[in-house]
C-alpha cells in the first residue's frame, strides 16, 4: 500500500527493529463479551506493554530510525501522556535526550511517570494543540519532532500490533481499535488489510472532542475543542496539515463510533470485574461500544485494549460506583 507512503515492508522492518524493546502482548478470549456480542470475542492486552500502552511500538521504531546527527540533538514530542511516556522510555534506552510537551489537562500520574524517566517536561496550554507550540520552538532549535500519530515511523511501529493479531487470530473478522489521532488504527489497517482486505476495522472514540471523527464527517482535518474526558488519552487534534492518518482512516476503516462518558465508566468497571484488567478510559472504548450495543460485530472479533495509565484513585472510585452510589456510601 505504497500510496500512503508506508508499506507492509516498512511495518515488517519496524518489527525487527523494536523486537528487543517491546513486549509481544497476550491475546485472551472473553467469554463475558462473547455472551454480550453473540460472537467469539478476544482481547489484545496491549495495556500490559512495558510503558502501559501501545505507544512504545511507534516511539521505539521512530527513535531506532534516527540518524546519528538527530540522535545527538535529541527528540521532542507532544502528548496526552502515553506517547510522552513511550518516547521518554525509548529515548532513555537508546541514550537520546528527550523533551516532552504536555498540556495542563494531562493527568498528574502520567506527568509523574514521564518525569521519572528523566525527560525534560514542558507544560503549557489547555490542549494538545497549544502544547504543540512549545514543540515547534524546540524543533527550531534542532530537536527532532516525533508526532504521536502522524509520522511514518510511528505508524509503522504501531502496525506491528496488526501483524501480531493476524498471527495469533487468523480467523478474525472484526477488529475494534480506540481512535484518537489515528496512528494505531492506521498502522493496524495497513498491516491487516495488506494480508486480509476483507477484515472489518472499527474505530471507537469518546463523544467529547472527537477530532478524527468530526474531521471525517467534515471531509477534511478540522479543529475540535479539547475537553476533559475519562478517555483523556483520546484527546487532541489531528493537525490541519495531517499527512497520513486522516487519509488512511478515511480509506481503510469501515466505521467510526462514539461512546458516552457513562459508557466508558461502565466499560472500565466491566474490564476490572469480569476480565481482571485495569484500563484507562480510552483503552476501554472498544468494550464500551460492545456493552452499549453501539457496535454489532460480525464474526470473530478482536478488541484492542490500548493502555492502563490512569490515576488509581480515580479507578477505585469508578469500579465501586453502582447505580450512582459509591461503595463508601453503601457501607455507611
Protein backbone atom coordinates (compact mmCIF):
# COMPACT_ATOMS: atom_id res chain seq x y z
CA UNK A 1 0.00 0.00 0.00
CA UNK A 2 2.65 2.48 -1.05
CA UNK A 3 0.08 5.13 -1.94
CA UNK A 4 0.09 6.20 1.72
CA UNK A 5 3.87 6.38 1.98
CA UNK A 6 4.00 3.46 4.42
CA UNK A 7 4.29 -0.12 3.14
CA UNK A 8 3.89 -3.56 4.64
CA UNK A 9 7.67 -3.88 4.27
CA UNK A 10 8.08 -0.79 6.49
CA UNK A 11 5.96 -2.46 9.17
CA UNK A 12 7.90 -5.71 8.94
CA UNK A 13 11.21 -3.79 9.25
CA UNK A 14 9.78 -1.99 12.27
CA UNK A 15 9.01 -5.31 13.93
CA UNK A 16 12.67 -6.34 13.58
CA UNK A 17 13.91 -3.00 14.93
CA UNK A 18 11.77 -2.96 18.07
CA UNK A 19 11.87 -6.67 18.94
CA UNK A 20 14.21 -6.13 21.86
CA UNK A 21 12.37 -3.09 23.23
CA UNK A 22 8.68 -4.04 23.21
CA UNK A 23 6.74 -7.00 24.56
CA UNK A 24 4.60 -9.34 22.46
CA UNK A 25 1.38 -8.94 24.41
CA UNK A 26 -1.17 -11.66 25.16
CA UNK A 27 -4.41 -12.24 23.26
CA UNK A 28 -7.13 -13.68 25.51
CA UNK A 29 -10.69 -14.86 24.89
CA UNK A 30 -13.51 -13.02 26.70
CA UNK A 31 -16.45 -15.27 27.48
CA UNK A 32 -18.28 -12.39 29.13
CA UNK A 33 -18.13 -10.25 25.98
CA UNK A 34 -18.93 -13.26 23.82
CA UNK A 35 -22.20 -13.64 25.74
CA UNK A 36 -22.91 -9.95 25.14
CA UNK A 37 -21.98 -9.88 21.44
CA UNK A 38 -23.11 -13.41 20.44
CA UNK A 39 -19.83 -13.92 18.55
CA UNK A 40 -16.37 -15.04 19.74
CA UNK A 41 -14.53 -12.04 21.25
CA UNK A 42 -10.83 -11.84 22.09
CA UNK A 43 -8.91 -9.06 23.83
CA UNK A 44 -5.41 -7.92 22.79
CA UNK A 45 -3.80 -6.92 26.09
CA UNK A 46 -1.64 -4.10 24.78
CA UNK A 47 -2.14 -2.20 28.03
CA UNK A 48 0.35 -4.66 29.53
CA UNK A 49 3.10 -3.23 27.31
CA UNK A 50 6.23 -2.09 29.21
CA UNK A 51 5.14 1.57 29.43
CA UNK A 52 1.48 0.70 29.96
CA UNK A 53 0.30 1.39 26.40
CA UNK A 54 0.78 0.50 22.74
CA UNK A 55 2.62 3.78 22.16
CA UNK A 56 6.01 2.21 22.83
CA UNK A 57 5.87 0.40 19.47
CA UNK A 58 5.78 3.58 17.42
CA UNK A 59 8.14 5.55 19.65
CA UNK A 60 10.75 2.79 19.68
CA UNK A 61 10.66 2.48 15.89
CA UNK A 62 10.93 6.24 15.38
CA UNK A 63 13.91 6.56 17.71
CA UNK A 64 15.62 3.48 16.21
CA UNK A 65 15.29 5.16 12.79
CA UNK A 66 17.11 8.38 13.78
CA UNK A 67 20.34 9.43 12.10
CA UNK A 68 23.46 9.98 14.22
CA UNK A 69 23.00 13.75 13.92
CA UNK A 70 19.38 13.54 15.04
CA UNK A 71 20.33 11.37 17.99
CA UNK A 72 22.93 13.89 19.10
CA UNK A 73 20.39 16.74 19.16
CA UNK A 74 17.60 14.83 20.90
CA UNK A 75 13.90 14.34 20.30
CA UNK A 76 10.76 16.24 21.27
CA UNK A 77 7.16 15.06 21.47
CA UNK A 78 3.74 16.43 22.34
CA UNK A 79 1.46 14.08 24.19
CA UNK A 80 -1.68 13.49 26.23
CA UNK A 81 0.55 11.25 28.35
CA UNK A 82 1.09 7.80 26.88
CA UNK A 83 3.12 8.85 23.83
CA UNK A 84 5.29 11.05 26.01
CA UNK A 85 5.97 8.16 28.37
CA UNK A 86 6.80 5.89 25.44
CA UNK A 87 9.17 8.41 23.84
CA UNK A 88 10.84 9.07 27.19
CA UNK A 89 11.34 5.34 27.79
CA UNK A 90 12.60 4.55 24.27
CA UNK A 91 14.91 7.58 24.35
CA UNK A 92 16.32 6.57 27.72
CA UNK A 93 17.03 3.04 26.45
CA UNK A 94 18.72 4.48 23.34
CA UNK A 95 20.69 7.14 25.25
CA UNK A 96 18.91 10.03 23.49
CA UNK A 97 17.79 13.25 25.20
CA UNK A 98 14.00 13.74 25.16
CA UNK A 99 11.76 16.73 25.80
CA UNK A 100 8.04 16.08 26.29
CA UNK A 101 5.45 18.85 25.87
CA UNK A 102 2.14 18.41 27.72
CA UNK A 103 -0.99 20.47 28.23
CA UNK A 104 -2.39 21.31 31.65
CA UNK A 105 -5.14 18.71 31.08
CA UNK A 106 -2.76 15.74 31.22
CA UNK A 107 -3.41 13.79 34.44
CA UNK A 108 -0.78 14.18 37.14
CA UNK A 109 0.00 10.45 37.29
CA UNK A 110 1.02 10.49 33.61
CA UNK A 111 3.15 13.61 34.12
CA UNK A 112 4.94 11.97 37.06
CA UNK A 113 5.63 8.78 35.10
CA UNK A 114 7.30 10.76 32.29
CA UNK A 115 9.29 12.79 34.80
CA UNK A 116 10.56 9.59 36.42
CA UNK A 117 12.04 8.51 33.08
CA UNK A 118 14.32 11.55 33.00
CA UNK A 119 12.72 13.50 30.17
CA UNK A 120 12.60 17.32 30.17
CA UNK A 121 8.99 18.38 30.82
CA UNK A 122 7.33 21.42 29.24
CA UNK A 123 3.75 22.01 30.45
CA UNK A 124 1.67 24.75 28.81
CA UNK A 125 -1.80 25.49 27.44
CA UNK A 126 -5.17 23.81 27.83
CA UNK A 127 -4.95 21.49 24.82
CA UNK A 128 -2.51 19.34 22.92
CA UNK A 129 -2.60 21.86 20.08
CA UNK A 130 -1.49 24.63 22.47
CA UNK A 131 1.25 22.45 23.96
CA UNK A 132 2.48 21.83 20.42
CA UNK A 133 3.60 25.45 20.15
CA UNK A 134 6.46 24.63 22.52
CA UNK A 135 7.34 21.66 20.31
CA UNK A 136 7.76 23.98 17.35
CA UNK A 137 10.17 26.16 19.33
CA UNK A 138 12.32 23.19 20.34
CA UNK A 139 12.19 21.82 16.81
CA UNK A 140 13.60 25.13 15.54
CA UNK A 141 16.48 24.64 17.99
CA UNK A 142 17.36 21.37 16.24
CA UNK A 143 15.46 18.64 18.10
CA UNK A 144 13.62 16.00 16.04
CA UNK A 145 9.86 16.03 16.46
CA UNK A 146 8.20 12.63 16.92
CA UNK A 147 4.48 13.05 16.30
CA UNK A 148 2.18 10.92 18.47
CA UNK A 149 0.42 9.64 15.34
CA UNK A 150 1.14 11.48 12.06
CA UNK A 151 4.63 10.10 11.49
CA UNK A 152 5.52 7.29 9.09
CA UNK A 153 7.90 5.54 11.52
CA UNK A 154 5.39 5.80 14.37
CA UNK A 155 2.59 4.37 12.23
CA UNK A 156 4.82 1.53 11.03
CA UNK A 157 5.68 0.72 14.64
CA UNK A 158 2.02 0.64 15.64
CA UNK A 159 1.35 -1.58 12.64
CA UNK A 160 3.39 -4.35 14.25
CA UNK A 161 0.40 -4.89 16.52
CA UNK A 162 -1.68 -5.74 13.45
CA UNK A 163 0.85 -8.36 12.40
CA UNK A 164 0.67 -9.97 15.85
CA UNK A 165 -3.12 -10.10 15.75
CA UNK A 166 -3.12 -11.80 12.35
CA UNK A 167 -0.62 -14.41 13.51
CA UNK A 168 -2.49 -15.14 16.74
CA UNK A 169 -6.07 -14.91 15.43
CA UNK A 170 -6.06 -15.51 11.66
CA UNK A 171 -9.84 -16.10 11.67
CA UNK A 172 -10.63 -12.59 12.97
CA UNK A 173 -13.33 -10.72 11.02
CA UNK A 174 -13.88 -7.52 13.07
CA UNK A 175 -11.09 -5.55 14.79
CA UNK A 176 -12.08 -2.80 17.23
CA UNK A 177 -9.48 -0.11 17.99
CA UNK A 178 -9.53 3.04 20.16
CA UNK A 179 -9.32 6.12 17.93
CA UNK A 180 -7.60 9.43 18.63
CA UNK A 181 -5.17 10.85 16.08
CA UNK A 182 -5.36 7.55 14.22
CA UNK A 183 -1.77 6.31 14.46
CA UNK A 184 -2.71 2.95 15.98
CA UNK A 185 -5.73 2.40 13.74
CA UNK A 186 -3.75 3.44 10.65
CA UNK A 187 -0.88 1.09 11.40
CA UNK A 188 -3.21 -1.82 12.15
CA UNK A 189 -5.22 -1.09 8.99
CA UNK A 190 -2.14 -1.03 6.74
CA UNK A 191 -0.77 -4.25 8.22
CA UNK A 192 -4.01 -6.21 8.25
CA UNK A 193 -5.59 -5.03 5.01
CA UNK A 194 -2.39 -5.91 3.13
CA UNK A 195 -2.96 -9.53 4.15
CA UNK A 196 -6.75 -9.61 4.57
CA UNK A 197 -8.67 -6.89 2.70
CA UNK A 198 -11.92 -8.41 3.98
CA UNK A 199 -11.25 -7.60 7.64
CA UNK A 200 -13.70 -5.05 9.10
CA UNK A 201 -11.97 -2.29 11.08
CA UNK A 202 -13.89 -0.18 13.60
CA UNK A 203 -12.52 2.89 15.37
CA UNK A 204 -14.11 3.93 18.68
CA UNK A 205 -13.71 7.29 20.39
CA UNK A 206 -15.41 9.43 23.02
CA UNK A 207 -18.23 11.79 22.11
CA UNK A 208 -16.48 14.79 23.72
CA UNK A 209 -13.86 16.39 21.48
CA UNK A 210 -13.54 13.59 18.91
CA UNK A 211 -11.19 15.22 16.40
CA UNK A 212 -10.79 12.39 13.87
CA UNK A 213 -14.49 11.56 13.94
CA UNK A 214 -15.51 15.18 13.28
CA UNK A 215 -12.82 15.58 10.63
CA UNK A 216 -14.08 12.52 8.77
CA UNK A 217 -17.60 13.96 8.87
CA UNK A 218 -16.29 17.26 7.50
CA UNK A 219 -14.27 15.57 4.77
CA UNK A 220 -11.04 17.24 5.89
CA UNK A 221 -8.99 17.78 9.06
CA UNK A 222 -10.63 20.36 11.32
CA UNK A 223 -10.01 21.76 14.78
CA UNK A 224 -12.17 20.45 17.61
CA UNK A 225 -12.24 21.82 21.14
CA UNK A 226 -10.43 19.53 23.57
CA UNK A 227 -12.38 18.94 26.78
CA UNK A 228 -11.89 16.79 29.87
CA UNK A 229 -12.96 13.17 29.47
CA UNK A 230 -12.44 9.77 31.04
CA UNK A 231 -10.81 8.99 27.70
CA UNK A 232 -8.12 11.66 28.12
CA UNK A 233 -5.68 9.59 26.03
CA UNK A 234 -8.00 10.03 23.02
CA UNK A 235 -7.99 13.82 23.22
CA UNK A 236 -6.16 16.28 20.99
CA UNK A 237 -6.41 17.32 17.36
CA UNK A 238 -5.24 15.50 14.25
CA UNK A 239 -3.47 18.53 12.72
CA UNK A 240 -4.86 20.68 9.94
CA UNK A 241 -1.92 19.59 7.76
CA UNK A 242 -2.34 15.90 8.55
CA UNK A 243 -0.11 13.89 6.20
CA UNK A 244 -1.01 10.27 6.85
CA UNK A 245 -3.66 9.19 9.32
CA UNK A 246 -6.68 11.11 8.05
CA UNK A 247 -6.42 9.55 4.57
CA UNK A 248 -5.65 6.06 5.89
CA UNK A 249 -8.55 6.04 8.34
CA UNK A 250 -10.89 7.54 5.74
CA UNK A 251 -9.98 4.94 3.13
CA UNK A 252 -9.36 1.73 5.08
CA UNK A 253 -11.61 1.85 8.14
CA UNK A 254 -15.19 0.64 7.75
CA UNK A 255 -16.75 2.67 10.59
CA UNK A 256 -16.01 5.03 13.48
CA UNK A 257 -18.24 5.10 16.55
CA UNK A 258 -18.76 7.45 19.51
CA UNK A 259 -19.30 6.34 23.10
CA UNK A 260 -20.50 8.41 26.05
CA UNK A 261 -18.75 9.07 29.35
CA UNK A 262 -21.07 6.80 31.33
CA UNK A 263 -20.45 4.01 28.81
CA UNK A 264 -16.69 4.40 29.25
CA UNK A 265 -17.12 4.23 33.03
CA UNK A 266 -19.21 1.06 32.70
CA UNK A 267 -16.54 -0.46 30.43
CA UNK A 268 -13.76 0.29 32.94
CA UNK A 269 -15.81 -1.43 35.65
CA UNK A 270 -16.57 -4.38 33.36
CA UNK A 271 -12.90 -4.83 32.46
CA UNK A 272 -11.96 -4.94 36.13
CA UNK A 273 -14.81 -7.07 37.42
CA UNK A 274 -15.16 -9.52 34.52
CA UNK A 275 -11.69 -9.58 32.96
CA UNK A 276 -9.49 -8.58 35.94
CA UNK A 277 -7.89 -5.87 33.81
CA UNK A 278 -7.14 -2.28 34.82
CA UNK A 279 -7.85 0.04 31.89
CA UNK A 280 -7.80 3.78 31.34
CA UNK A 281 -10.86 5.31 29.72
CA UNK A 282 -9.58 5.42 26.16
CA UNK A 283 -8.49 1.80 26.30
CA UNK A 284 -11.99 0.75 27.35
CA UNK A 285 -13.63 2.38 24.32
CA UNK A 286 -13.99 -0.86 22.36
CA UNK A 287 -15.56 -2.65 25.31
CA UNK A 288 -17.91 0.32 25.76
CA UNK A 289 -19.03 0.01 22.13
CA UNK A 290 -19.88 -3.65 22.63
CA UNK A 291 -21.59 -3.31 26.00
CA UNK A 292 -23.70 -0.35 24.84
CA UNK A 293 -24.84 -2.17 21.71
CA UNK A 294 -23.47 0.62 19.51
CA UNK A 295 -21.30 -1.97 17.79
CA UNK A 296 -22.85 -5.08 16.26
CA UNK A 297 -19.80 -7.24 15.49
CA UNK A 298 -19.67 -9.59 12.56
CA UNK A 299 -17.89 -12.90 13.13
CA UNK A 300 -14.88 -13.47 15.40
CA UNK A 301 -13.99 -10.13 16.96
CA UNK A 302 -10.80 -8.68 18.42
CA UNK A 303 -10.84 -5.68 20.79
CA UNK A 304 -7.58 -3.82 21.36
CA UNK A 305 -7.05 -2.72 24.98
CA UNK A 306 -4.58 0.09 24.43
CA UNK A 307 -3.48 1.45 27.82
CA UNK A 308 -3.65 1.26 31.61
CA UNK A 309 -2.12 4.58 32.68
CA UNK A 310 -4.86 6.14 34.78
CA UNK A 311 -4.93 7.50 38.31
CA UNK A 312 -5.66 4.55 40.58
CA UNK A 313 -7.72 6.64 43.00
CA UNK A 314 -9.98 7.51 40.06
CA UNK A 315 -10.09 3.83 39.09
CA UNK A 316 -11.15 2.80 42.60
CA UNK A 317 -13.95 5.38 42.54
CA UNK A 318 -15.15 4.16 39.15
CA UNK A 319 -15.17 0.44 39.92
CA UNK A 320 -17.01 0.99 43.21
CA UNK A 321 -19.80 3.00 41.59
CA UNK A 322 -23.11 1.19 41.21
CA UNK A 323 -26.39 2.86 40.44
CA UNK A 324 -24.88 6.25 41.17
CA UNK A 325 -23.76 5.25 44.67
CA UNK A 326 -20.19 4.68 45.85
CA UNK A 327 -19.24 1.67 47.86
CA UNK A 328 -18.42 4.00 50.75
CA UNK A 329 -21.97 5.35 50.65
CA UNK A 330 -23.45 1.84 50.64
CA UNK A 331 -21.35 0.86 53.63
CA UNK A 332 -22.23 3.97 55.66
